Amino acid sequence: MANDRIGEILVRESIISADQLRQAQADTRSSGKRLAYSLARLGILGEKELTDFMARQYGVPAISLSEFEIDPEVIQLIPKEVASKHTVLPVQRAGSTLIVAMADPSNIYAIDDLKFLTGLNIEPVVTTDAAIEEAIVRYYDQPDKLNSYDEVMGDLDMQEIGFADELDDDFNALDSQAEAEQAPVVKLCNLVLLNAINKGASDIHVEPYEKAYRVRYRIDGVLHQEMTPPLKLRNAITSRMKIMASLDIAERRLPQDGRIKLKIGRNREMDFRVSTLPTLYGEKIVMRLLDRDKLELDMTKLGFEGAPLKLFKDNINRPYGMCLVTGPTGSGKTTTLYSALSELNSGEVNISTAEDPVEYNLMGVNQVQMHDDIGLNFAAALRSFLRQDPDIIMVGEIRDFETAEIAVKAALTGHLVLSTLHTNDAPSTINRLLNMGVEPFLVTASVNMIVAQRLARKICKDCSAEDAQVGGDALVDAGMSPAEVKAFTPRRGKGCRTCGNTGYKGRVALYEVMALTDPLKDLVLRGSSTAELKAEAIRLGMATLRRSGLNKVAEGMTTLDEIVRVTAAD
């Protein structure tokens, strides 16, 4: 389909504006790429929106390559040169048919070329240029550049690595840097980072112990041991990671924070937020992976159900007041706040955020990175925001009375304030604010809504099967009614290559949305307990985290074991 034709349809269906089309067309002329590539590169359309649109126009299925692990034998069916030339990628072979991801499924010449080359029938599916280019790098380039763990260790002469006590005063930073720059050590560190990306990890833990050294990945919220490098490599790996993160390798007694920016292919960058912590046997390193391409800002896809989603949207669209998102670290609070900001972001409002750290860049939002060492903390940033003519303010976290006090005042003076707190559920957030020193009448006057959330692993679609082991009694004990138990069949993932034999692939959010209505405000002013607030909120229709989880179990999305793991009984 010609670029002009695609552009006309996008404008006609009000998916993009005429100005955005002209901007993308100008980029297309200068880059020589297709219009779809420019729309994605400029951030005018997200990858999901673009692939869904192209699937409708071309009449072929859409595919998300990041969710697939393609068999190397299938990749070898099409040479890299041909894949790059036509912007295609082989995905799966079924008998005499080869499913091929294409940026332009209407390219008959490419399909004929692939059919002649492979001797197979070609069945096209559609995705974006950027997704295919990234996958070409992932599947064709990395095997040449990146060895397996065994190969890397085979290249390493262990006799060349000294064993210095990490906490020894005679530790030589220059020697450690020299060790860190040895080719096998560099390859091993690259392997740790790239494997984490390929396996969809959210965090990497590099941990030294007295007689062991291990690397673990957090995948879908659960830690899995990935490799156990020799203890002799402790100093070299630590130094290499610190060099990559621009940290001081000579400083071993104090925690440090840094960032690694890794370029993958031509169009994708991955950020690693690096934290070092001096432990008894050396420095532990934890890296948080920040992948903007996987940031989901569509609230309907986060896991919100109909009624809670409407309540959430109603409250974030109020002109003033405070909306709080609560939960432990890693529960998806930032994603929920960013999705709310994405919903509110327009040319008519001034949005400012105070974050520590700024995890993702949002166009049109004024984001400020906190620096406690120079006095730029949440409270100082909030004071400054109030002199910047704000409409909407986001505070990364309310940690103390000073920040809470300024946030409350902002919410009372015509501003919408979004923030997070670390509490177990929505009702307990009220008492957390009161414990900080905020007066009850200020809480009831300023807080519009509190959202508690958790992340639960989803059953792998490729190996999902009925689970005969879960009995009705267990479901009733967890909180389901007997009628609900009879109405569905529990499911479980059996374990396959796609999910790494865990039975789970991906995560879904569970939400507990509590709007501070008049009956609840009365209870707060009377000094009621968290249990009384929760009981009244449930009576008024609030679905708890456990209830939200059980709904996901009933939909066949997750398992009872997973819901019991991440939520408490009501």
Protein backbone atom coordinates (compact mmCIF):
# COMPACT_ATOMS: atom_id res chain seq x y z
CA MET A 1 0.00 0.00 0.00
CA ALA A 2 1.50 3.33 -1.02
CA ASN A 3 2.62 5.79 1.63
CA ASP A 4 0.17 8.43 0.40
CA ARG A 5 -2.73 5.98 0.61
CA ILE A 6 -1.79 4.95 4.19
CA GLY A 7 -1.50 8.60 5.21
CA GLU A 8 -4.89 9.50 3.74
CA ILE A 9 -6.62 6.66 5.60
CA LEU A 10 -4.94 7.51 8.90
CA VAL A 11 -6.08 11.14 8.65
CA ARG A 12 -9.57 10.20 7.46
CA GLU A 13 -10.05 7.82 10.41
CA SER A 14 -8.78 10.58 12.79
CA ILE A 15 -5.94 8.32 13.98
CA ILE A 16 -3.45 11.09 13.27
CA SER A 17 -3.83 14.76 12.35
CA ALA A 18 -2.96 16.34 9.00
CA ASP A 19 -0.05 18.19 10.68
CA GLN A 20 1.33 14.92 12.05
CA LEU A 21 1.05 13.37 8.58
CA ARG A 22 3.01 16.25 7.04
CA GLN A 23 5.67 15.90 9.75
CA ALA A 24 5.99 12.14 9.08
CA GLN A 25 6.08 12.66 5.30
CA ALA A 26 8.93 15.15 5.70
CA ASP A 27 10.83 12.62 7.79
CA THR A 28 10.14 9.93 5.17
CA ARG A 29 11.59 12.10 2.41
CA SER A 30 14.76 12.81 4.39
CA SER A 31 15.29 9.24 5.67
CA GLY A 32 14.15 7.31 2.60
CA LYS A 33 12.13 5.01 4.87
CA ARG A 34 8.45 4.05 4.69
CA LEU A 35 5.77 6.24 6.27
CA ALA A 36 5.00 3.66 8.97
CA TYR A 37 8.65 3.76 10.07
CA SER A 38 8.57 7.57 10.42
CA LEU A 39 5.26 7.52 12.33
CA ALA A 40 6.76 5.11 14.89
CA ARG A 41 10.16 6.83 15.06
CA LEU A 42 8.60 10.23 15.73
CA GLY A 43 6.32 8.78 18.41
CA ILE A 44 3.17 9.82 16.53
CA LEU A 45 1.78 6.28 16.67
CA GLY A 46 2.72 3.49 19.07
CA GLU A 47 3.84 0.12 17.73
CA LYS A 48 0.60 -1.59 18.83
CA GLU A 49 -1.62 1.07 17.20
CA LEU A 50 0.41 0.91 14.01
CA THR A 51 0.37 -2.87 13.68
CA ASP A 52 -3.36 -3.06 14.44
CA PHE A 53 -4.04 -0.44 11.76
CA MET A 54 -1.86 -2.17 9.16
CA ALA A 55 -3.44 -5.55 9.99
CA ARG A 56 -6.88 -4.09 9.23
CA GLN A 57 -5.73 -2.46 6.01
CA TYR A 58 -3.75 -5.41 4.65
CA GLY A 59 -6.18 -8.05 5.92
CA VAL A 60 -3.45 -10.15 7.59
CA PRO A 61 -2.80 -10.91 11.28
CA ALA A 62 -0.61 -8.60 13.37
CA ILE A 63 2.28 -9.95 15.42
CA SER A 64 4.40 -8.68 18.32
CA LEU A 65 7.89 -10.09 17.73
CA SER A 66 9.02 -9.23 21.27
CA GLU A 67 6.64 -11.89 22.62
CA PHE A 68 8.14 -14.69 20.48
CA GLU A 69 11.25 -16.82 20.85
CA ILE A 70 11.95 -17.94 17.28
CA ASP A 71 13.65 -21.28 16.63
CA PRO A 72 17.20 -20.78 15.22
CA GLU A 73 16.44 -23.39 12.52
CA VAL A 74 13.58 -21.21 11.27
CA ILE A 75 15.82 -18.11 11.24
CA GLN A 76 18.34 -19.95 9.04
CA LEU A 77 15.71 -20.43 6.31
CA ILE A 78 16.16 -16.78 5.23
CA PRO A 79 19.66 -15.21 5.05
CA LYS A 80 20.23 -11.97 6.91
CA GLU A 81 20.88 -10.05 3.66
CA VAL A 82 17.47 -11.04 2.29
CA ALA A 83 15.72 -10.31 5.60
CA SER A 84 17.27 -6.81 5.69
CA LYS A 85 16.61 -6.13 2.01
CA HIS A 86 12.87 -6.86 2.25
CA THR A 87 12.41 -5.97 5.97
CA VAL A 88 11.08 -9.44 6.80
CA LEU A 89 11.69 -12.09 9.46
CA PRO A 90 10.79 -15.81 9.44
CA VAL A 91 8.67 -16.57 12.49
CA GLN A 92 7.45 -20.16 12.35
CA ARG A 93 7.36 -23.13 10.00
CA ALA A 94 4.30 -25.36 9.78
CA GLY A 95 4.84 -28.16 7.27
CA SER A 96 5.26 -26.59 3.83
CA THR A 97 4.20 -23.13 5.06
CA LEU A 98 6.52 -20.47 6.43
CA ILE A 99 4.99 -17.65 8.48
CA VAL A 100 6.94 -14.45 7.79
CA ALA A 101 6.67 -11.12 9.61
CA MET A 102 6.65 -8.29 7.07
CA ALA A 103 6.53 -4.50 7.30
CA ASP A 104 4.74 -4.45 3.91
CA PRO A 105 2.64 -7.59 3.31
CA SER A 106 1.53 -6.18 -0.06
CA ASN A 107 5.07 -6.53 -1.45
CA ILE A 108 4.47 -9.35 -3.94
CA TYR A 109 8.07 -9.24 -5.17
CA ALA A 110 9.38 -9.95 -1.66
CA ILE A 111 6.93 -12.83 -1.15
CA ASP A 112 7.89 -14.38 -4.53
CA ASP A 113 11.58 -13.99 -3.69
CA LEU A 114 11.10 -15.72 -0.31
CA LYS A 115 9.01 -18.49 -1.88
CA PHE A 116 11.71 -19.17 -4.50
CA LEU A 117 14.48 -19.03 -1.90
CA THR A 118 12.88 -21.36 0.67
CA GLY A 119 10.71 -23.58 -1.52
CA LEU A 120 7.87 -23.01 0.97
CA ASN A 121 4.50 -21.30 0.82
CA ILE A 122 4.77 -17.86 2.43
CA GLU A 123 2.08 -16.71 4.85
CA PRO A 124 2.64 -13.04 5.80
CA VAL A 125 1.88 -11.40 9.13
CA VAL A 126 2.41 -7.70 9.74
CA THR A 127 4.52 -5.72 12.20
CA THR A 128 6.51 -2.48 12.16
CA ASP A 129 9.83 -1.81 10.40
CA ALA A 130 11.48 -1.00 13.74
CA ALA A 131 10.34 -4.29 15.32
CA ILE A 132 11.74 -6.30 12.40
CA GLU A 133 15.05 -4.40 12.36
CA GLU A 134 15.44 -4.96 16.10
CA ALA A 135 14.64 -8.68 15.69
CA ILE A 136 17.16 -8.99 12.82
CA VAL A 137 19.85 -7.67 15.16
CA ARG A 138 18.66 -9.97 17.92
CA TYR A 139 18.54 -13.18 15.88
CA TYR A 140 21.20 -12.67 13.20
CA ASP A 141 23.87 -10.46 14.78
CA GLN A 142 24.10 -11.60 18.39
CA PRO A 143 25.30 -15.16 17.77
CA ASP A 144 28.41 -13.74 16.12
CA LYS A 145 29.05 -11.16 18.82
CA LEU A 146 27.79 -12.94 21.91
CA ASN A 147 29.11 -16.29 23.04
CA SER A 148 27.35 -18.67 25.37
CA TYR A 149 28.33 -18.72 29.04
CA ASP A 150 30.36 -21.92 28.56
CA GLU A 151 32.21 -20.45 25.57
CA VAL A 152 33.05 -17.26 27.46
CA MET A 153 34.36 -19.22 30.42
CA GLY A 154 36.39 -21.46 28.08
CA ASP A 155 38.17 -18.39 26.71
CA LEU A 156 39.15 -17.19 30.17
CA ASP A 157 42.55 -18.01 31.61
CA MET A 158 41.71 -18.23 35.29
CA GLN A 159 45.39 -18.08 36.26
CA GLU A 160 45.50 -14.49 34.98
CA ILE A 161 42.83 -13.41 37.46
CA GLY A 162 44.06 -12.53 40.92
CA PHE A 163 42.00 -13.21 44.03
CA ALA A 164 42.05 -10.02 46.09
CA ASP A 165 39.92 -9.55 49.17
CA GLU A 166 37.23 -7.06 48.13
CA LEU A 167 37.49 -5.33 51.49
CA ASP A 168 41.27 -5.52 51.70
CA ASP A 169 42.99 -2.15 52.05
CA ASP A 170 45.61 -3.36 49.54
CA PHE A 171 42.95 -3.59 46.82
CA ASN A 172 44.41 -1.98 43.66
CA ALA A 173 41.86 -0.18 41.51
CA LEU A 174 44.22 -0.12 38.49
CA ASP A 175 44.71 -3.90 38.63
CA SER A 176 40.97 -4.36 39.01
CA GLN A 177 40.32 -2.13 35.98
CA ALA A 178 42.83 -4.11 33.92
CA GLU A 179 41.08 -7.35 34.85
CA ALA A 180 37.71 -5.81 34.02
CA GLU A 181 38.86 -4.91 30.52
CA GLN A 182 39.93 -8.45 29.58
CA ALA A 183 37.94 -9.62 26.57
CA PRO A 184 36.30 -12.65 28.28
CA VAL A 185 35.18 -10.51 31.24
CA VAL A 186 33.75 -7.91 28.85
CA LYS A 187 31.95 -10.69 26.93
CA LEU A 188 30.60 -12.19 30.14
CA CYS A 189 29.18 -8.84 31.32
CA ASN A 190 27.63 -8.26 27.87
CA LEU A 191 26.16 -11.76 28.05
CA VAL A 192 24.56 -11.00 31.43
CA LEU A 193 22.94 -7.81 30.09
CA LEU A 194 21.79 -9.12 26.70
CA ASN A 195 20.46 -12.41 28.07
CA ALA A 196 18.38 -10.40 30.55
CA ILE A 197 16.86 -8.41 27.66
CA ASN A 198 16.16 -11.54 25.61
CA LYS A 199 14.50 -13.29 28.55
CA GLY A 200 12.33 -10.30 29.44
CA ALA A 201 13.90 -9.79 32.88
CA SER A 202 12.99 -6.69 34.91
CA ASP A 203 16.03 -6.84 37.24
CA ILE A 204 19.50 -8.42 37.35
CA HIS A 205 21.06 -9.39 40.70
CA VAL A 206 24.83 -10.02 40.81
CA GLU A 207 25.55 -11.36 44.30
CA PRO A 208 28.82 -12.30 46.06
CA TYR A 209 28.87 -14.77 48.97
CA GLU A 210 31.66 -16.35 51.00
CA LYS A 211 32.08 -19.37 48.72
CA ALA A 212 29.81 -18.61 45.78
CA TYR A 213 28.99 -15.96 43.20
CA ARG A 214 25.68 -15.94 41.37
CA VAL A 215 23.66 -14.00 38.81
CA ARG A 216 19.86 -14.03 39.08
CA TYR A 217 17.17 -12.54 36.84
CA ARG A 218 13.77 -11.35 38.02
CA ILE A 219 11.36 -12.55 35.35
CA ASP A 220 7.65 -11.80 35.76
CA GLY A 221 8.27 -10.84 39.39
CA VAL A 222 10.13 -14.01 40.45
CA LEU A 223 13.91 -14.44 40.77
CA HIS A 224 15.57 -17.25 38.78
CA GLN A 225 19.24 -18.26 39.06
CA GLU A 226 20.88 -17.74 35.68
CA MET A 227 24.60 -18.45 36.13
CA THR A 228 27.29 -18.95 38.77
CA PRO A 229 30.58 -17.34 37.62
CA PRO A 230 33.75 -18.37 39.48
CA LEU A 231 34.32 -16.48 42.71
CA LYS A 232 37.70 -15.34 41.35
CA LEU A 233 35.86 -13.12 38.86
CA ARG A 234 34.10 -11.16 41.59
CA ASN A 235 36.37 -8.09 41.45
CA ALA A 236 36.68 -8.10 37.67
CA ILE A 237 32.91 -8.33 37.04
CA THR A 238 32.12 -5.73 39.69
CA SER A 239 34.68 -3.33 38.24
CA ARG A 240 33.45 -3.88 34.68
CA MET A 241 29.84 -3.21 35.66
CA LYS A 242 30.89 -0.06 37.57
CA ILE A 243 32.95 1.17 34.60
CA MET A 244 29.95 0.70 32.29
CA ALA A 245 27.76 2.65 34.75
CA SER A 246 30.37 5.44 35.12
CA LEU A 247 30.84 4.71 38.83
CA ASP A 248 33.96 5.01 40.96
CA ILE A 249 35.63 1.58 40.99
CA ALA A 250 37.93 2.62 43.84
CA GLU A 251 34.96 3.33 46.16
CA ARG A 252 33.96 -0.01 47.68
CA ARG A 253 32.59 0.92 51.10
CA LEU A 254 29.66 3.15 50.11
CA PRO A 255 26.58 2.43 47.98
CA GLN A 256 26.61 4.01 44.50
CA ASP A 257 23.96 4.59 41.84
CA GLY A 258 24.48 4.92 38.11
CA ARG A 259 23.07 4.13 34.71
CA ILE A 260 24.10 2.02 31.72
CA LYS A 261 22.71 2.94 28.31
CA LEU A 262 22.96 0.02 25.89
CA LYS A 263 22.28 0.54 22.19
CA ILE A 264 20.61 -2.43 20.51
CA GLY A 265 20.53 -2.16 16.74
CA ARG A 266 19.83 1.18 15.14
CA ASN A 267 16.53 2.12 16.70
CA ARG A 268 16.44 0.84 20.25
CA GLU A 269 18.18 1.83 23.44
CA MET A 270 17.89 0.01 26.74
CA ASP A 271 18.61 1.70 30.06
CA PHE A 272 19.88 -0.19 33.11
CA ARG A 273 19.50 1.59 36.46
CA VAL A 274 22.51 0.37 38.45
CA SER A 275 22.78 0.20 42.25
CA THR A 276 25.78 -1.13 44.18
CA LEU A 277 25.66 -2.19 47.83
CA PRO A 278 28.69 -3.14 49.97
CA THR A 279 27.96 -6.52 51.59
CA LEU A 280 30.05 -8.75 53.84
CA TYR A 281 31.78 -10.48 50.91
CA GLY A 282 31.90 -7.75 48.28
CA GLU A 283 29.64 -5.42 46.36
CA LYS A 284 26.22 -6.64 45.30
CA ILE A 285 24.99 -5.09 42.05
CA VAL A 286 21.32 -4.80 41.12
CA MET A 287 20.29 -3.48 37.71
CA ARG A 288 16.73 -2.46 36.85
CA LEU A 289 15.94 -2.74 33.12
CA LEU A 290 14.01 0.19 31.68
CA ASP A 291 12.60 -0.55 28.23
CA ARG A 292 10.52 2.32 26.88
CA ASP A 293 9.33 0.17 23.97
CA LYS A 294 7.50 -2.07 26.43
CA LEU A 295 5.93 0.74 28.45
CA GLU A 296 2.18 0.14 28.22
CA LEU A 297 0.25 3.38 28.62
CA ASP A 298 -3.18 2.10 27.53
CA MET A 299 -5.13 1.71 30.78
CA THR A 300 -7.51 -0.83 29.25
CA LYS A 301 -4.55 -3.18 28.73
CA LEU A 302 -3.02 -2.80 32.19
CA GLY A 303 -5.59 -5.06 33.87
CA PHE A 304 -8.28 -2.57 34.92
CA GLU A 305 -11.80 -3.99 34.87
CA GLY A 306 -14.77 -1.92 33.70
CA ALA A 307 -16.12 -0.33 36.90
CA PRO A 308 -12.73 0.34 38.58
CA LEU A 309 -11.37 1.81 35.33
CA LYS A 310 -14.32 4.22 35.06
CA LEU A 311 -13.84 5.24 38.70
CA PHE A 312 -10.11 5.75 38.12
CA LYS A 313 -10.65 7.88 35.01
CA ASP A 314 -13.39 9.94 36.67
CA ASN A 315 -11.04 10.85 39.52
CA ILE A 316 -7.93 11.66 37.49
CA ASN A 317 -10.06 13.93 35.32
CA ARG A 318 -11.22 16.01 38.29
CA PRO A 319 -9.74 19.53 38.24
CA TYR A 320 -8.08 19.29 41.67
CA GLY A 321 -7.41 16.94 44.55
CA MET A 322 -4.99 14.08 45.19
CA CYS A 323 -4.91 10.62 43.61
CA LEU A 324 -2.58 8.14 45.30
CA VAL A 325 -1.24 4.83 43.93
CA THR A 326 0.09 2.40 46.54
CA GLY A 327 1.92 -0.89 46.61
CA PRO A 328 5.38 -2.39 47.19
CA THR A 329 8.41 -1.82 44.97
CA GLY A 330 7.94 -3.47 41.58
CA SER A 331 4.14 -3.52 41.68
CA GLY A 332 3.73 -1.29 38.61
CA LYS A 333 2.88 1.99 40.35
CA THR A 334 5.03 4.05 37.97
CA THR A 335 3.36 2.51 34.91
CA THR A 336 -0.08 3.35 36.30
CA LEU A 337 0.95 6.95 37.01
CA TYR A 338 2.51 7.32 33.55
CA SER A 339 -0.63 5.94 31.93
CA ALA A 340 -2.69 8.49 33.89
CA LEU A 341 -0.34 11.29 32.76
CA SER A 342 -0.59 10.04 29.18
CA GLU A 343 -4.38 10.25 29.45
CA LEU A 344 -4.20 13.80 30.85
CA ASN A 345 -1.37 15.08 28.65
CA SER A 346 -2.51 17.74 26.19
CA GLY A 347 -1.40 21.13 24.94
CA GLU A 348 -3.89 22.80 27.27
CA VAL A 349 -2.33 21.78 30.60
CA ASN A 350 1.04 22.23 32.31
CA ILE A 351 2.27 18.95 33.81
CA SER A 352 5.34 18.76 36.06
CA THR A 353 6.78 15.63 37.70
CA ALA A 354 9.34 15.11 40.46
CA GLU A 355 10.87 11.64 40.10
CA ASP A 356 13.69 9.63 41.63
CA PRO A 357 14.77 8.44 39.16
CA VAL A 358 13.10 9.55 35.90
CA GLU A 359 12.45 6.12 34.41
CA TYR A 360 10.84 7.04 31.08
CA ASN A 361 10.74 10.28 29.10
CA LEU A 362 7.25 11.54 28.26
CA MET A 363 6.84 14.11 25.51
CA GLY A 364 5.01 17.23 26.73
CA VAL A 365 5.68 16.56 30.44
CA ASN A 366 8.22 18.58 32.46
CA GLN A 367 10.14 15.88 34.32
CA VAL A 368 12.59 16.73 37.13
CA GLN A 369 15.21 14.33 38.48
CA MET A 370 15.74 14.47 42.26
CA HIS A 371 19.23 15.09 43.69
CA ASP A 372 19.16 14.80 47.49
CA ASP A 373 22.90 15.53 47.73
CA ILE A 374 22.35 19.11 46.54
CA GLY A 375 19.04 19.63 48.33
CA LEU A 376 16.73 18.92 45.40
CA ASN A 377 14.25 16.57 47.06
CA PHE A 378 10.52 16.02 46.55
CA ALA A 379 9.56 18.82 48.93
CA ALA A 380 11.91 21.34 47.28
CA ALA A 381 10.70 20.37 43.79
CA LEU A 382 7.05 20.67 44.89
CA ARG A 383 7.62 24.18 46.21
CA SER A 384 9.23 25.16 42.93
CA PHE A 385 6.39 23.59 40.89
CA LEU A 386 3.85 25.79 42.68
CA ARG A 387 5.67 28.84 41.31
CA GLN A 388 5.59 27.41 37.77
CA ASP A 389 1.87 27.84 37.04
CA PRO A 390 1.07 24.08 37.21
CA ASP A 391 -2.17 22.30 36.41
CA ILE A 392 -1.09 18.74 37.19
CA ILE A 393 1.74 17.67 39.50
CA MET A 394 3.18 14.19 39.92
CA VAL A 395 5.36 13.41 42.94
CA GLY A 396 7.32 10.16 42.65
CA GLU A 397 6.72 9.22 46.29
CA ILE A 398 5.42 10.81 49.48
CA ARG A 399 8.02 9.76 52.03
CA ASP A 400 7.72 12.29 54.85
CA PHE A 401 5.47 14.89 56.47
CA GLU A 402 7.07 17.81 54.62
CA THR A 403 6.32 16.34 51.19
CA ALA A 404 2.83 15.23 52.28
CA GLU A 405 2.03 18.69 53.65
CA ILE A 406 3.00 20.52 50.45
CA ALA A 407 1.19 17.94 48.28
CA VAL A 408 -1.99 18.37 50.36
CA LYS A 409 -1.77 22.16 50.08
CA ALA A 410 -1.32 21.89 46.31
CA ALA A 411 -4.38 19.61 46.08
CA LEU A 412 -6.41 22.11 48.14
CA THR A 413 -5.46 25.08 45.96
CA GLY A 414 -6.73 23.99 42.57
CA HIS A 415 -4.11 21.48 41.41
CA LEU A 416 -4.40 17.80 40.56
CA VAL A 417 -1.68 15.89 42.43
CA LEU A 418 -0.66 12.32 41.57
CA SER A 419 1.70 10.40 43.84
CA THR A 420 2.62 7.03 45.35
CA LEU A 421 2.92 5.58 48.84
CA HIS A 422 4.19 2.27 50.16
CA THR A 423 1.19 0.65 51.89
CA ASN A 424 -0.43 -2.78 51.83
CA ASP A 425 -3.85 -1.78 50.50
CA ALA A 426 -6.00 1.27 49.75
CA PRO A 427 -7.72 1.71 53.19
CA SER A 428 -4.41 1.52 55.12
CA THR A 429 -3.12 4.51 53.12
CA ILE A 430 -5.35 6.80 55.18
CA ASN A 431 -3.67 5.77 58.42
CA ARG A 432 -0.25 6.06 56.78
CA LEU A 433 -0.97 9.73 56.00
CA LEU A 434 -2.30 10.31 59.52
CA ASN A 435 0.83 8.69 60.99
CA MET A 436 2.96 11.08 58.94
CA GLY A 437 1.23 13.95 60.73
CA VAL A 438 -1.40 15.07 58.18
CA GLU A 439 -4.60 16.15 59.97
CA PRO A 440 -7.73 14.02 59.29
CA PHE A 441 -9.72 17.01 57.98
CA LEU A 442 -6.92 17.75 55.47
CA VAL A 443 -6.88 14.12 54.30
CA THR A 444 -10.64 14.12 53.66
CA ALA A 445 -10.51 17.51 51.96
CA SER A 446 -7.62 16.69 49.61
CA VAL A 447 -7.66 12.98 48.72
CA ASN A 448 -9.96 12.01 45.83
CA MET A 449 -8.95 8.40 45.30
CA ILE A 450 -6.52 5.72 46.43
CA VAL A 451 -5.46 2.84 44.17
CA ALA A 452 -3.65 -0.22 45.53
CA GLN A 453 -2.09 -2.62 43.05
CA ARG A 454 -0.06 -5.80 42.58
CA LEU A 455 1.31 -7.67 39.58
CA ALA A 456 0.38 -11.33 39.03
CA ARG A 457 1.94 -13.64 36.47
CA LYS A 458 -0.23 -14.67 33.52
CA ILE A 459 -0.65 -18.25 32.36
CA CYS A 460 1.45 -18.96 29.26
CA LYS A 461 -0.89 -19.05 26.24
CA ASP A 462 1.18 -21.71 24.47
CA CYS A 463 0.89 -24.35 27.21
CA SER A 464 -2.32 -23.40 29.02
CA ALA A 465 -4.35 -26.43 30.08
CA GLU A 466 -7.12 -27.38 32.50
CA ASP A 467 -5.92 -27.77 36.09
CA ALA A 468 -7.58 -30.72 37.75
CA GLN A 469 -5.50 -30.31 40.93
CA VAL A 470 -7.36 -27.21 42.15
CA GLY A 471 -10.43 -28.30 44.07
CA GLY A 472 -13.56 -26.31 44.76
CA ASP A 473 -12.78 -26.09 48.48
CA ALA A 474 -9.50 -24.26 47.79
CA LEU A 475 -11.29 -21.75 45.59
CA VAL A 476 -14.00 -21.16 48.20
CA ASP A 477 -11.35 -20.74 50.91
CA ALA A 478 -9.64 -18.13 48.74
CA GLY A 479 -12.85 -16.09 48.52
CA MET A 480 -14.91 -17.41 45.60
CA SER A 481 -18.59 -18.18 45.98
CA PRO A 482 -19.78 -21.76 45.30
CA ALA A 483 -21.71 -20.47 42.27
CA GLU A 484 -18.53 -18.97 40.79
CA VAL A 485 -16.62 -22.21 41.39
CA LYS A 486 -19.17 -24.19 39.39
CA ALA A 487 -19.14 -21.73 36.50
CA PHE A 488 -15.54 -22.15 35.36
CA THR A 489 -12.62 -24.57 35.08
CA PRO A 490 -9.25 -23.58 36.58
CA ARG A 491 -6.28 -23.48 34.20
CA ARG A 492 -2.52 -23.78 34.58
CA GLY A 493 0.51 -23.57 32.30
CA LYS A 494 2.17 -26.97 31.80
CA GLY A 495 5.54 -25.40 30.94
CA CYS A 496 7.05 -25.00 27.48
CA ARG A 497 9.92 -23.31 25.65
CA THR A 498 8.04 -20.03 25.32
CA CYS A 499 7.73 -19.57 29.09
CA GLY A 500 11.02 -21.23 30.10
CA ASN A 501 9.03 -24.17 31.56
CA THR A 502 7.56 -21.96 34.29
CA GLY A 503 3.97 -22.07 33.01
CA TYR A 504 3.77 -18.26 33.17
CA LYS A 505 4.48 -15.58 30.57
CA GLY A 506 3.91 -11.88 31.20
CA ARG A 507 2.08 -10.17 34.04
CA VAL A 508 -1.28 -8.50 34.65
CA ALA A 509 -2.08 -5.84 37.24
CA LEU A 510 -4.61 -6.31 40.04
CA TYR A 511 -6.30 -3.12 41.21
CA GLU A 512 -8.17 -1.99 44.32
CA VAL A 513 -9.74 1.42 43.65
CA MET A 514 -11.16 3.29 46.63
CA ALA A 515 -12.77 6.68 45.99
CA LEU A 516 -13.01 8.77 49.15
CA THR A 517 -16.78 9.27 49.22
CA ASP A 518 -18.70 11.06 51.98
CA PRO A 519 -19.41 7.91 54.11
CA LEU A 520 -15.68 7.08 54.11
CA LYS A 521 -14.74 10.68 54.92
CA ASP A 522 -17.06 10.55 57.94
CA LEU A 523 -15.28 7.42 59.18
CA VAL A 524 -11.87 9.08 58.78
CA LEU A 525 -12.99 12.14 60.75
CA ARG A 526 -14.32 9.85 63.50
CA GLY A 527 -10.93 8.12 63.75
CA SER A 528 -12.12 4.72 62.49
CA SER A 529 -9.64 1.84 62.09
CA THR A 530 -8.33 0.51 58.77
CA ALA A 531 -10.55 -2.57 59.13
CA GLU A 532 -13.66 -0.39 59.50
CA LEU A 533 -12.68 1.70 56.48
CA LYS A 534 -12.13 -1.44 54.41
CA ALA A 535 -15.45 -2.99 55.44
CA GLU A 536 -17.34 0.20 54.52
CA ALA A 537 -15.49 0.52 51.20
CA ILE A 538 -16.39 -3.07 50.30
CA ARG A 539 -20.02 -2.39 51.28
CA LEU A 540 -19.96 0.60 48.92
CA GLY A 541 -18.75 -1.60 46.05
CA MET A 542 -14.94 -1.59 46.20
CA ALA A 543 -13.34 -4.69 44.67
CA THR A 544 -10.34 -5.68 46.82
CA LEU A 545 -6.99 -6.89 45.47
CA ARG A 546 -7.98 -10.50 46.28
CA ARG A 547 -11.33 -10.04 44.52
CA SER A 548 -9.60 -8.53 41.48
CA GLY A 549 -7.23 -11.51 41.44
CA LEU A 550 -10.06 -14.05 41.69
CA ASN A 551 -11.74 -12.34 38.74
CA LYS A 552 -8.54 -12.91 36.74
CA VAL A 553 -8.53 -16.57 37.83
CA ALA A 554 -12.14 -16.92 36.67
CA GLU A 555 -11.15 -15.43 33.29
CA GLY A 556 -8.44 -18.08 32.90
CA MET A 557 -5.76 -15.39 32.95
CA THR A 558 -3.81 -16.56 36.00
CA THR A 559 -3.77 -19.29 38.66
CA LEU A 560 -5.06 -19.50 42.22
CA ASP A 561 -1.51 -20.15 43.50
CA GLU A 562 -0.35 -16.89 41.95
CA ILE A 563 -3.20 -14.87 43.45
CA VAL A 564 -2.59 -16.36 46.90
CA ARG A 565 1.11 -15.48 46.50
CA VAL A 566 0.57 -11.78 45.75
CA THR A 567 -2.61 -10.87 47.68
CA ALA A 568 -3.86 -11.26 51.24
CA ALA A 569 -7.24 -12.73 52.16
CA ASP A 570 -10.03 -10.21 52.79
